[in-house]
PDB file of N, CA and C in Angstrom:
ATOM      1  N   MET A   1      14.629   8.982 -43.857  1.00  0.00           N
ATOM      2  CA  MET A   1      14.873   8.230 -42.659  1.00  0.00           C
ATOM      3  C   MET A   1      16.153   8.673 -41.955  1.00  0.00           C
ATOM      4  N   LEU A   2      16.789   9.694 -42.449  1.00  0.00           N
ATOM      5  CA  LEU A   2      18.015  10.136 -41.807  1.00  0.00           C
ATOM      6  C   LEU A   2      17.735  10.876 -40.518  1.00  0.00           C
ATOM      7  N   TYR A   3      16.612  11.584 -40.466  1.00  0.00           N
ATOM      8  CA  TYR A   3      16.298  12.365 -39.266  1.00  0.00           C
ATOM      9  C   TYR A   3      14.930  11.964 -38.748  1.00  0.00           C
ATOM     10  N   MET A   4      14.896  11.435 -37.546  1.00  0.00           N
ATOM     11  CA  MET A   4      13.623  11.099 -36.919  1.00  0.00           C
ATOM     12  C   MET A   4      13.483  11.967 -35.675  1.00  0.00           C
ATOM     13  N   PRO A   5      12.405  12.741 -35.567  1.00  0.00           N
ATOM     14  CA  PRO A   5      12.240  13.608 -34.396  1.00  0.00           C
ATOM     15  C   PRO A   5      12.099  12.785 -33.114  1.00  0.00           C
ATOM     16  N   ARG A   6      12.691  13.303 -32.068  1.00  0.00           N
ATOM     17  CA  ARG A   6      12.612  12.635 -30.774  1.00  0.00           C
ATOM     18  C   ARG A   6      11.421  13.183 -30.012  1.00  0.00           C
ATOM     19  N   GLU A   7      10.580  12.296 -29.511  1.00  0.00           N
ATOM     20  CA  GLU A   7       9.378  12.703 -28.790  1.00  0.00           C
ATOM     21  C   GLU A   7       9.403  12.196 -27.358  1.00  0.00           C
ATOM     22  N   GLU A   8      10.580  11.995 -26.804  1.00  0.00           N
ATOM     23  CA  GLU A   8      10.672  11.461 -25.447  1.00  0.00           C
ATOM     24  C   GLU A   8      10.207  12.478 -24.411  1.00  0.00           C
ATOM     25  N   GLY A   9      10.509  13.740 -24.600  1.00  0.00           N
ATOM     26  CA  GLY A   9      10.130  14.764 -23.642  1.00  0.00           C
ATOM     27  C   GLY A   9       8.645  15.063 -23.637  1.00  0.00           C
ATOM     28  N   GLN A  10       7.958  14.734 -24.709  1.00  0.00           N
ATOM     29  CA  GLN A  10       6.536  15.036 -24.805  1.00  0.00           C
ATOM     30  C   GLN A  10       5.735  14.270 -23.760  1.00  0.00           C
ATOM     31  N   GLY A  11       6.044  13.014 -23.546  1.00  0.00           N
ATOM     32  CA  GLY A  11       5.327  12.224 -22.552  1.00  0.00           C
ATOM     33  C   GLY A  11       5.509  12.773 -21.158  1.00  0.00           C
ATOM     34  N   LEU A  12       6.718  13.235 -20.855  1.00  0.00           N
ATOM     35  CA  LEU A  12       6.996  13.798 -19.543  1.00  0.00           C
ATOM     36  C   LEU A  12       6.177  15.063 -19.313  1.00  0.00           C
ATOM     37  N   VAL A  13       6.048  15.879 -20.323  1.00  0.00           N
ATOM     38  CA  VAL A  13       5.252  17.110 -20.205  1.00  0.00           C
ATOM     39  C   VAL A  13       3.784  16.767 -19.990  1.00  0.00           C
ATOM     40  N   GLU A  14       3.291  15.759 -20.678  1.00  0.00           N
ATOM     41  CA  GLU A  14       1.892  15.366 -20.509  1.00  0.00           C
ATOM     42  C   GLU A  14       1.634  14.855 -19.094  1.00  0.00           C
ATOM     43  N   TYR A  15       2.548  14.054 -18.562  1.00  0.00           N
ATOM     44  CA  TYR A  15       2.394  13.578 -17.185  1.00  0.00           C
ATOM     45  C   TYR A  15       2.453  14.741 -16.200  1.00  0.00           C
ATOM     46  N   ALA A  16       3.295  15.703 -16.448  1.00  0.00           N
ATOM     47  CA  ALA A  16       3.393  16.866 -15.566  1.00  0.00           C
ATOM     48  C   ALA A  16       2.087  17.669 -15.595  1.00  0.00           C
ATOM     49  N   LEU A  17       1.486  17.835 -16.761  1.00  0.00           N
ATOM     50  CA  LEU A  17       0.219  18.565 -16.860  1.00  0.00           C
ATOM     51  C   LEU A  17      -0.901  17.835 -16.132  1.00  0.00           C
ATOM     52  N   ILE A  18      -0.927  16.508 -16.246  1.00  0.00           N
ATOM     53  CA  ILE A  18      -1.939  15.732 -15.535  1.00  0.00           C
ATOM     54  C   ILE A  18      -1.738  15.868 -14.033  1.00  0.00           C
ATOM     55  N   LEU A  19      -0.490  15.826 -13.574  1.00  0.00           N
ATOM     56  CA  LEU A  19      -0.195  15.960 -12.154  1.00  0.00           C
ATOM     57  C   LEU A  19      -0.620  17.328 -11.632  1.00  0.00           C
ATOM     58  N   VAL A  20      -0.387  18.371 -12.412  1.00  0.00           N
ATOM     59  CA  VAL A  20      -0.805  19.721 -12.011  1.00  0.00           C
ATOM     60  C   VAL A  20      -2.323  19.807 -11.948  1.00  0.00           C
ATOM     61  N   LEU A  21      -3.003  19.216 -12.905  1.00  0.00           N
ATOM     62  CA  LEU A  21      -4.468  19.229 -12.910  1.00  0.00           C
ATOM     63  C   LEU A  21      -5.024  18.510 -11.679  1.00  0.00           C
ATOM     64  N   VAL A  22      -4.468  17.365 -11.337  1.00  0.00           N
ATOM     65  CA  VAL A  22      -4.916  16.630 -10.154  1.00  0.00           C
ATOM     66  C   VAL A  22      -4.656  17.449  -8.890  1.00  0.00           C
ATOM     67  N   ALA A  23      -3.507  18.106  -8.814  1.00  0.00           N
ATOM     68  CA  ALA A  23      -3.180  18.925  -7.648  1.00  0.00           C
ATOM     69  C   ALA A  23      -4.172  20.078  -7.499  1.00  0.00           C
ATOM     70  N   VAL A  24      -4.533  20.715  -8.593  1.00  0.00           N
ATOM     71  CA  VAL A  24      -5.488  21.831  -8.543  1.00  0.00           C
ATOM     72  C   VAL A  24      -6.856  21.334  -8.077  1.00  0.00           C
ATOM     73  N   VAL A  25      -7.283  20.178  -8.571  1.00  0.00           N
ATOM     74  CA  VAL A  25      -8.578  19.622  -8.165  1.00  0.00           C
ATOM     75  C   VAL A  25      -8.575  19.302  -6.669  1.00  0.00           C
ATOM     76  N   VAL A  26      -7.498  18.711  -6.172  1.00  0.00           N
ATOM     77  CA  VAL A  26      -7.409  18.389  -4.746  1.00  0.00           C
ATOM     78  C   VAL A  26      -7.435  19.661  -3.900  1.00  0.00           C
ATOM     79  N   ILE A  27      -6.738  20.691  -4.330  1.00  0.00           N
ATOM     80  CA  ILE A  27      -6.717  21.953  -3.585  1.00  0.00           C
ATOM     81  C   ILE A  27      -8.112  22.574  -3.545  1.00  0.00           C
ATOM     82  N   VAL A  28      -8.821  22.547  -4.648  1.00  0.00           N
ATOM     83  CA  VAL A  28     -10.174  23.115  -4.684  1.00  0.00           C
ATOM     84  C   VAL A  28     -11.112  22.329  -3.775  1.00  0.00           C
ATOM     85  N   ILE A  29     -11.020  21.007  -3.813  1.00  0.00           N
ATOM     86  CA  ILE A  29     -11.880  20.183  -2.956  1.00  0.00           C
ATOM     87  C   ILE A  29     -11.583  20.453  -1.487  1.00  0.00           C
ATOM     88  N   LEU A  30     -10.305  20.533  -1.124  1.00  0.00           N
ATOM     89  CA  LEU A  30      -9.957  20.809   0.267  1.00  0.00           C
ATOM     90  C   LEU A  30     -10.401  22.209   0.689  1.00  0.00           C
ATOM     91  N   ALA A  31     -10.344  23.165  -0.219  1.00  0.00           N
ATOM     92  CA  ALA A  31     -10.778  24.518   0.117  1.00  0.00           C
ATOM     93  C   ALA A  31     -12.285  24.557   0.353  1.00  0.00           C
ATOM     94  N   LEU A  32     -13.031  23.766  -0.413  1.00  0.00           N
ATOM     95  CA  LEU A  32     -14.484  23.766  -0.260  1.00  0.00           C
ATOM     96  C   LEU A  32     -14.937  22.950   0.948  1.00  0.00           C
ATOM     97  N   LEU A  33     -14.282  21.822   1.201  1.00  0.00           N
ATOM     98  CA  LEU A  33     -14.720  20.926   2.260  1.00  0.00           C
ATOM     99  C   LEU A  33     -13.939  21.094   3.554  1.00  0.00           C
ATOM    100  N   GLY A  34     -12.928  21.921   3.561  1.00  0.00           N
ATOM    101  CA  GLY A  34     -12.075  22.086   4.731  1.00  0.00           C
ATOM    102  C   GLY A  34     -12.813  22.491   5.991  1.00  0.00           C
ATOM    103  N   PRO A  35     -13.644  23.522   5.945  1.00  0.00           N
ATOM    104  CA  PRO A  35     -14.360  23.930   7.168  1.00  0.00           C
ATOM    105  C   PRO A  35     -15.284  22.845   7.725  1.00  0.00           C
ATOM    106  N   SER A  36     -15.974  22.128   6.872  1.00  0.00           N
ATOM    107  CA  SER A  36     -16.878  21.085   7.377  1.00  0.00           C
ATOM    108  C   SER A  36     -16.094  19.912   7.961  1.00  0.00           C
ATOM    109  N   ILE A  37     -14.967  19.565   7.363  1.00  0.00           N
ATOM    110  CA  ILE A  37     -14.126  18.502   7.919  1.00  0.00           C
ATOM    111  C   ILE A  37     -13.564  18.940   9.269  1.00  0.00           C
ATOM    112  N   GLY A  38     -13.162  20.184   9.371  1.00  0.00           N
ATOM    113  CA  GLY A  38     -12.679  20.711  10.646  1.00  0.00           C
ATOM    114  C   GLY A  38     -13.751  20.673  11.719  1.00  0.00           C
ATOM    115  N   ALA A  39     -14.980  20.963  11.355  1.00  0.00           N
ATOM    116  CA  ALA A  39     -16.085  20.918  12.320  1.00  0.00           C
ATOM    117  C   ALA A  39     -16.328  19.494  12.802  1.00  0.00           C
ATOM    118  N   VAL A  40     -16.214  18.535  11.924  1.00  0.00           N
ATOM    119  CA  VAL A  40     -16.401  17.130  12.314  1.00  0.00           C
ATOM    120  C   VAL A  40     -15.344  16.724  13.325  1.00  0.00           C
ATOM    121  N   PHE A  41     -14.088  17.056  13.060  1.00  0.00           N
ATOM    122  CA  PHE A  41     -13.013  16.713  13.992  1.00  0.00           C
ATOM    123  C   PHE A  41     -13.170  17.470  15.320  1.00  0.00           C
ATOM    124  N   SER A  42     -13.631  18.696  15.280  1.00  0.00           N
ATOM    125  CA  SER A  42     -13.872  19.449  16.504  1.00  0.00           C
ATOM    126  C   SER A  42     -14.952  18.787  17.356  1.00  0.00           C
ATOM    127  N   ASN A  43     -16.008  18.314  16.714  1.00  0.00           N
ATOM    128  CA  ASN A  43     -17.063  17.614  17.440  1.00  0.00           C
ATOM    129  C   ASN A  43     -16.549  16.327  18.058  1.00  0.00           C
ATOM    130  N   ILE A  44     -15.717  15.607  17.325  1.00  0.00           N
ATOM    131  CA  ILE A  44     -15.157  14.353  17.849  1.00  0.00           C
ATOM    132  C   ILE A  44     -14.294  14.642  19.084  1.00  0.00           C
ATOM    133  N   ILE A  45     -13.447  15.650  18.992  1.00  0.00           N
ATOM    134  CA  ILE A  45     -12.559  15.985  20.105  1.00  0.00           C
ATOM    135  C   ILE A  45     -13.370  16.492  21.301  1.00  0.00           C
ATOM    136  N   ARG A  46     -14.401  17.267  21.049  1.00  0.00           N
ATOM    137  CA  ARG A  46     -15.241  17.798  22.116  1.00  0.00           C
ATOM    138  C   ARG A  46     -15.965  16.678  22.856  1.00  0.00           C
ATOM    139  N   ASN A  47     -16.378  15.633  22.139  1.00  0.00           N
ATOM    140  CA  ASN A  47     -17.121  14.529  22.748  1.00  0.00           C
ATOM    141  C   ASN A  47     -16.214  13.526  23.455  1.00  0.00           C
ATOM    142  N   ILE A  48     -14.928  13.613  23.250  1.00  0.00           N
ATOM    143  CA  ILE A  48     -14.023  12.641  23.901  1.00  0.00           C
ATOM    144  C   ILE A  48     -13.778  13.018  25.323  1.00  0.00           C
TER     145      ILE A  48
END
């Protein structure tokens, strides 16, 4: 019981990995749906 390993940094690394994973998923979705979303906004602006 004299030495207990500290695991405080481990949680921070796990949260950082989850944040990176979410960012990658958002970037992929925007890359795939970006042109169609742009076309929708172009149609809206054209009809105004």
